Amino acid sequence: MNLADLARVDDQDLRGEASAPETQQLMHAIMSEEREPAVVTTPRRRRRRLVLGLATVAAAAAVAVGTSVVGGPVTSYANAAVSIENAGPYFSVTITDPTADRRRFEEAFRAVGLNVTVKVIPVAPSEVGKLIGPVVPDGFKWHGSIGTQGITPCSSAFCGKVWMPADFPGRVVFGIGRPARPGEPYADDGPVDPEGDEALPGYTSHGRTVVDVRAELGRRGLKAGYRLFWKYAEKDDGSMSWFDEAVPTGRVKDDWIVASTRLHSSDTVDLYVIPGADAGPAPSPYPQPRWYD
């Protein structure tokens, strides 16, 4: 189609048309008519979505208080379970609700840039509400150091400092202590001191025979558990390594010597016993499940 062939109407062709009586009458009718303002309506369904969207945004903002504008780690974070602040060389941690879902704790640690898994674990009454760990299952191979120090006085369940590089990329596991049920084993929170962990107030078990320590447990209404304490020569300098093996009562002789004792549960104490000469060869060390596995 050739646009030049289309009919064209120029302004001069319309001159005088507006002055015709019929045109004037139509124009007067249009101009004298009262015009109502235009109203734009919003569909009801769409308006409800808008309200729900605003509520969701408000909830997200309440959870994400302190979030970096650029989406990176924040310097402090708090929710109903815990508050964490990056204080430079350490993280300040305050546990306000040790019974909260573990995900609330993980949420706070991750907000400040740490890859932390939290487990709620059964502990002795003195450890309830405390932060247990940290544990690095794959080994700590990074600059700096890692550790925890409790702070007193504390108006919450736990107040403490956590030394940990803010840029540590590995996984770290913490425990939050909860009350153990009657007879439920306590989570093992660290290696036993081979030179004398003591579980019985006012009584030294280190160096005594199994029969003597068992008699003391009986007087206190407690039961005994047994773990053989195997030692291994490790280096030319004479340093030793060791591991402990849970064994039944029949594997332990009355005259063997107790190295340490540790609370196993509310009604049981584990005796860490040095195997006697007739105990046979030491078995190969093997890993046993831990609370952080």
Protein backbone atom coordinates (compact mmCIF):
# COMPACT_ATOMS: atom_id res chain seq x y z
CA MET A 1 0.00 0.00 0.00
CA ASN A 2 1.27 3.45 -0.91
CA LEU A 3 0.63 5.89 1.88
CA ALA A 4 0.61 8.73 -0.63
CA ASP A 5 -2.59 7.33 -2.19
CA LEU A 6 -4.56 7.54 1.08
CA ALA A 7 -7.15 10.30 1.37
CA ARG A 8 -5.88 13.28 3.32
CA VAL A 9 -7.86 15.98 5.16
CA ASP A 10 -6.13 19.29 5.76
CA ASP A 11 -7.08 21.98 8.28
CA GLN A 12 -8.31 24.27 5.48
CA ASP A 13 -10.79 21.58 4.42
CA LEU A 14 -12.49 21.81 7.85
CA ARG A 15 -12.76 25.61 7.99
CA GLY A 16 -16.30 26.80 8.67
CA GLU A 17 -17.49 23.39 9.84
CA ALA A 18 -17.48 24.44 13.48
CA SER A 19 -19.74 27.38 12.70
CA ALA A 20 -22.53 25.27 11.22
CA PRO A 21 -25.75 25.36 13.36
CA GLU A 22 -25.79 21.59 13.92
CA THR A 23 -22.16 21.64 15.07
CA GLN A 24 -22.74 24.53 17.44
CA GLN A 25 -25.75 22.76 18.99
CA LEU A 26 -23.75 19.55 19.59
CA MET A 27 -20.82 21.43 21.09
CA HIS A 28 -23.12 23.32 23.48
CA ALA A 29 -24.70 20.06 24.69
CA ILE A 30 -21.28 18.50 25.37
CA MET A 31 -19.87 21.49 27.26
CA SER A 32 -22.98 22.04 29.38
CA GLU A 33 -23.13 18.39 30.60
CA GLU A 34 -21.77 17.94 34.20
CA ARG A 35 -18.87 15.48 34.07
CA GLU A 36 -18.34 13.03 36.92
CA PRO A 37 -14.79 12.35 38.15
CA ALA A 38 -13.22 9.10 36.94
CA VAL A 39 -12.98 6.31 39.55
CA VAL A 40 -10.38 3.54 39.30
CA THR A 41 -11.34 0.47 41.27
CA THR A 42 -9.02 -2.28 42.47
CA PRO A 43 -10.26 -5.86 42.33
CA ARG A 44 -11.00 -7.17 45.85
CA ARG A 45 -8.70 -10.18 45.46
CA ARG A 46 -5.76 -8.06 44.46
CA ARG A 47 -6.20 -5.76 47.45
CA ARG A 48 -6.16 -8.72 49.86
CA ARG A 49 -2.88 -9.91 48.38
CA LEU A 50 -1.40 -6.50 48.98
CA VAL A 51 -2.35 -6.57 52.67
CA LEU A 52 -0.89 -10.06 53.11
CA GLY A 53 2.28 -9.00 51.36
CA LEU A 54 2.78 -6.09 53.74
CA ALA A 55 2.29 -8.38 56.75
CA THR A 56 4.90 -10.78 55.42
CA VAL A 57 7.39 -7.97 54.89
CA ALA A 58 6.80 -6.72 58.44
CA ALA A 59 7.42 -10.19 59.89
CA ALA A 60 10.61 -10.61 57.87
CA ALA A 61 11.87 -7.24 59.05
CA ALA A 62 11.27 -8.24 62.68
CA VAL A 63 13.36 -11.39 62.25
CA ALA A 64 16.09 -9.71 60.27
CA VAL A 65 16.82 -6.77 62.55
CA GLY A 66 20.39 -5.64 61.94
CA THR A 67 20.79 -7.26 58.54
CA SER A 68 23.44 -5.68 56.33
CA VAL A 69 22.14 -3.51 53.50
CA VAL A 70 24.28 -5.44 51.04
CA GLY A 71 23.15 -8.82 52.35
CA GLY A 72 26.40 -9.81 54.06
CA PRO A 73 26.99 -10.84 57.71
CA VAL A 74 25.82 -8.47 60.40
CA THR A 75 27.72 -7.38 63.50
CA SER A 76 24.91 -8.30 65.89
CA TYR A 77 21.72 -10.34 65.83
CA ALA A 78 19.05 -11.22 68.37
CA ASN A 79 15.90 -13.30 68.51
CA ALA A 80 13.83 -14.83 71.30
CA ALA A 81 16.42 -17.55 71.96
CA VAL A 82 19.83 -15.90 71.76
CA SER A 83 21.70 -12.71 71.02
CA ILE A 84 25.11 -12.63 69.33
CA GLU A 85 27.43 -9.69 68.82
CA ASN A 86 30.71 -9.61 66.90
CA ALA A 87 33.00 -7.87 69.37
CA GLY A 88 36.14 -8.03 67.22
CA PRO A 89 38.40 -10.71 68.72
CA TYR A 90 35.42 -12.72 69.95
CA PHE A 91 31.64 -13.14 69.69
CA SER A 92 29.53 -12.20 72.69
CA VAL A 93 26.77 -14.80 73.13
CA THR A 94 23.81 -14.58 75.51
CA ILE A 95 21.31 -17.44 75.68
CA THR A 96 17.90 -16.22 76.80
CA ASP A 97 15.83 -19.35 76.10
CA PRO A 98 17.76 -22.65 76.17
CA THR A 99 14.53 -24.57 75.46
CA ALA A 100 14.00 -22.87 72.08
CA ASP A 101 14.15 -24.75 68.80
CA ARG A 102 17.77 -25.28 67.79
CA ARG A 103 17.06 -23.58 64.47
CA ARG A 104 16.62 -20.26 66.27
CA PHE A 105 20.20 -20.56 67.55
CA GLU A 106 21.55 -21.54 64.12
CA GLU A 107 19.66 -18.61 62.58
CA ALA A 108 21.53 -16.17 64.85
CA PHE A 109 24.98 -17.70 64.31
CA ARG A 110 24.55 -17.69 60.56
CA ALA A 111 23.35 -14.10 60.56
CA VAL A 112 26.78 -13.06 61.85
CA GLY A 113 28.51 -15.21 59.22
CA LEU A 114 29.28 -18.45 61.09
CA ASN A 115 28.57 -21.96 59.80
CA VAL A 116 27.25 -23.37 63.06
CA THR A 117 25.15 -26.44 63.80
CA VAL A 118 23.42 -26.47 67.19
CA LYS A 119 22.23 -29.56 69.04
CA VAL A 120 20.14 -29.58 72.20
CA ILE A 121 21.79 -32.22 74.40
CA PRO A 122 21.08 -33.85 77.81
CA VAL A 123 23.42 -32.62 80.53
CA ALA A 124 23.91 -32.62 84.28
CA PRO A 125 21.90 -30.03 86.25
CA SER A 126 24.92 -27.70 86.56
CA GLU A 127 25.23 -27.54 82.75
CA VAL A 128 21.59 -26.81 81.87
CA GLY A 129 21.20 -23.79 79.61
CA LYS A 130 24.91 -23.49 78.92
CA LEU A 131 26.71 -23.41 75.59
CA ILE A 132 28.69 -26.64 75.16
CA GLY A 133 31.62 -26.68 72.75
CA PRO A 134 32.64 -25.51 70.25
CA VAL A 135 33.56 -28.68 68.40
CA VAL A 136 35.04 -28.76 64.91
CA PRO A 137 34.30 -32.30 63.64
CA ASP A 138 36.78 -32.04 60.75
CA GLY A 139 39.53 -30.46 62.82
CA PHE A 140 40.41 -26.81 63.30
CA LYS A 141 42.89 -25.86 60.57
CA TRP A 142 42.70 -22.09 60.33
CA HIS A 143 44.32 -18.97 61.69
CA GLY A 144 43.54 -17.82 65.21
CA SER A 145 41.94 -19.99 67.85
CA ILE A 146 38.59 -21.30 68.92
CA GLY A 147 37.06 -21.68 72.36
CA THR A 148 34.41 -20.56 74.84
CA GLN A 149 34.50 -18.77 78.16
CA GLY A 150 31.48 -18.29 80.39
CA ILE A 151 30.88 -14.93 82.04
CA THR A 152 29.38 -14.28 85.47
CA PRO A 153 27.29 -12.69 86.76
CA CYS A 154 24.71 -13.37 84.06
CA SER A 155 21.04 -12.43 84.16
CA SER A 156 20.19 -14.94 81.40
CA ALA A 157 20.64 -18.69 81.11
CA PHE A 158 24.17 -18.27 79.74
CA CYS A 159 26.52 -15.39 78.99
CA GLY A 160 29.87 -15.98 77.41
CA LYS A 161 32.58 -15.19 74.91
CA VAL A 162 33.27 -17.38 71.89
CA TRP A 163 36.70 -17.05 70.33
CA MET A 164 36.36 -18.00 66.71
CA PRO A 165 37.66 -16.48 63.43
CA ALA A 166 34.80 -14.62 61.78
CA ASP A 167 35.95 -15.94 58.39
CA PHE A 168 36.26 -19.60 59.43
CA PRO A 169 34.70 -21.62 56.57
CA GLY A 170 34.38 -24.97 58.33
CA ARG A 171 31.44 -26.40 60.23
CA VAL A 172 31.31 -25.83 63.97
CA VAL A 173 28.99 -27.66 66.36
CA PHE A 174 27.66 -26.25 69.63
CA GLY A 175 25.46 -27.93 72.18
CA ILE A 176 22.78 -26.28 74.30
CA GLY A 177 22.35 -28.15 77.57
CA ARG A 178 18.89 -29.37 78.50
CA PRO A 179 17.91 -31.29 81.65
CA ALA A 180 18.52 -35.00 81.21
CA ARG A 181 15.70 -37.35 82.05
CA PRO A 182 16.21 -39.66 85.07
CA GLY A 183 18.83 -42.24 84.08
CA GLU A 184 19.42 -40.68 80.65
CA PRO A 185 23.17 -40.55 79.80
CA TYR A 186 24.70 -37.10 79.81
CA ALA A 187 26.28 -35.89 76.59
CA ASP A 188 30.03 -36.29 76.82
CA ASP A 189 31.35 -32.74 76.59
CA GLY A 190 35.06 -33.44 76.34
CA PRO A 191 37.96 -35.79 77.02
CA VAL A 192 38.42 -37.18 80.49
CA ASP A 193 41.43 -35.99 82.46
CA PRO A 194 43.51 -39.17 82.81
CA GLU A 195 45.09 -37.81 85.96
CA GLY A 196 41.96 -37.40 87.99
CA ASP A 197 38.50 -36.20 86.89
CA GLU A 198 36.43 -36.62 90.06
CA ALA A 199 32.66 -37.11 90.09
CA LEU A 200 32.14 -37.67 93.85
CA PRO A 201 32.30 -34.51 95.99
CA GLY A 202 34.62 -34.97 98.97
CA TYR A 203 36.03 -38.26 97.67
CA THR A 204 39.14 -38.93 95.58
CA SER A 205 38.81 -41.95 93.33
CA HIS A 206 42.14 -41.57 91.50
CA GLY A 207 44.55 -44.33 92.56
CA ARG A 208 42.00 -46.40 94.43
CA THR A 209 40.93 -49.92 93.51
CA VAL A 210 37.72 -50.65 91.68
CA VAL A 211 36.25 -52.45 94.70
CA ASP A 212 36.89 -49.44 96.95
CA VAL A 213 35.31 -46.92 94.57
CA ARG A 214 32.35 -49.20 93.90
CA ALA A 215 31.73 -49.45 97.65
CA GLU A 216 31.68 -45.65 97.91
CA LEU A 217 29.15 -45.47 95.08
CA GLY A 218 26.96 -47.97 96.91
CA ARG A 219 27.02 -45.82 100.03
CA ARG A 220 25.77 -42.89 97.93
CA GLY A 221 23.05 -44.89 96.21
CA LEU A 222 24.79 -44.75 92.82
CA LYS A 223 25.54 -47.40 90.21
CA ALA A 224 28.86 -47.96 88.43
CA GLY A 225 29.66 -48.00 84.74
CA TYR A 226 33.07 -49.08 83.45
CA ARG A 227 35.43 -47.81 80.79
CA LEU A 228 38.89 -49.26 80.26
CA PHE A 229 41.52 -46.59 79.93
CA TRP A 230 43.99 -47.76 77.23
CA LYS A 231 47.26 -45.89 76.81
CA TYR A 232 49.61 -45.92 73.81
CA ALA A 233 53.20 -44.75 73.47
CA GLU A 234 53.13 -42.16 70.75
CA LYS A 235 56.53 -40.48 70.27
CA ASP A 236 60.18 -40.86 71.15
CA ASP A 237 59.78 -38.19 73.81
CA GLY A 238 57.59 -40.56 75.81
CA SER A 239 54.31 -38.69 75.31
CA MET A 240 51.23 -40.85 75.45
CA SER A 241 47.93 -41.09 73.65
CA TRP A 242 44.91 -42.96 74.91
CA PHE A 243 41.30 -43.90 74.30
CA ASP A 244 38.58 -45.29 76.53
CA GLU A 245 36.42 -48.34 75.85
CA ALA A 246 33.03 -49.03 77.44
CA VAL A 247 32.99 -52.56 78.85
CA PRO A 248 30.60 -54.72 80.92
CA THR A 249 31.18 -55.41 84.60
CA GLY A 250 32.67 -58.84 83.89
CA ARG A 251 35.63 -57.31 82.03
CA VAL A 252 36.85 -55.44 85.10
CA LYS A 253 38.76 -56.93 88.09
CA ASP A 254 38.24 -55.66 91.62
CA ASP A 255 41.93 -54.91 92.18
CA TRP A 256 42.43 -52.81 89.03
CA ILE A 257 43.12 -49.16 89.62
CA VAL A 258 40.72 -46.31 88.91
CA ALA A 259 42.20 -43.34 87.07
CA SER A 260 39.14 -41.06 86.98
CA THR A 261 35.41 -40.92 87.56
CA ARG A 262 32.78 -38.99 85.65
CA LEU A 263 29.01 -38.66 85.96
CA HIS A 264 27.29 -40.83 83.38
CA SER A 265 23.69 -40.00 84.33
CA SER A 266 21.65 -38.98 87.34
CA ASP A 267 22.14 -42.39 88.95
CA THR A 268 25.37 -43.76 87.44
CA VAL A 269 29.07 -42.86 87.63
CA ASP A 270 31.57 -44.14 85.05
CA LEU A 271 34.82 -45.53 86.41
CA TYR A 272 37.79 -45.06 84.07
CA VAL A 273 39.91 -48.06 84.93
CA ILE A 274 43.54 -48.77 84.08
CA PRO A 275 43.61 -52.34 82.69
CA GLY A 276 45.61 -54.81 84.78
CA ALA A 277 48.44 -57.01 83.53
CA ASP A 278 46.01 -59.83 82.72
CA ALA A 279 43.70 -57.59 80.63
CA GLY A 280 45.21 -58.84 77.37
CA PRO A 281 46.55 -56.74 74.50
CA ALA A 282 45.15 -53.29 73.95
CA PRO A 283 42.63 -53.20 71.11
CA SER A 284 43.06 -50.90 68.15
CA PRO A 285 41.53 -47.50 68.85
CA TYR A 286 38.17 -47.03 67.21
CA PRO A 287 35.92 -43.97 67.11
CA GLN A 288 32.78 -44.00 69.21
CA PRO A 289 29.74 -41.86 68.46
CA ARG A 290 29.77 -38.47 70.15
CA TRP A 291 26.96 -36.03 70.76
CA TYR A 292 28.24 -33.79 67.98
CA ASP A 293 28.39 -36.53 65.29
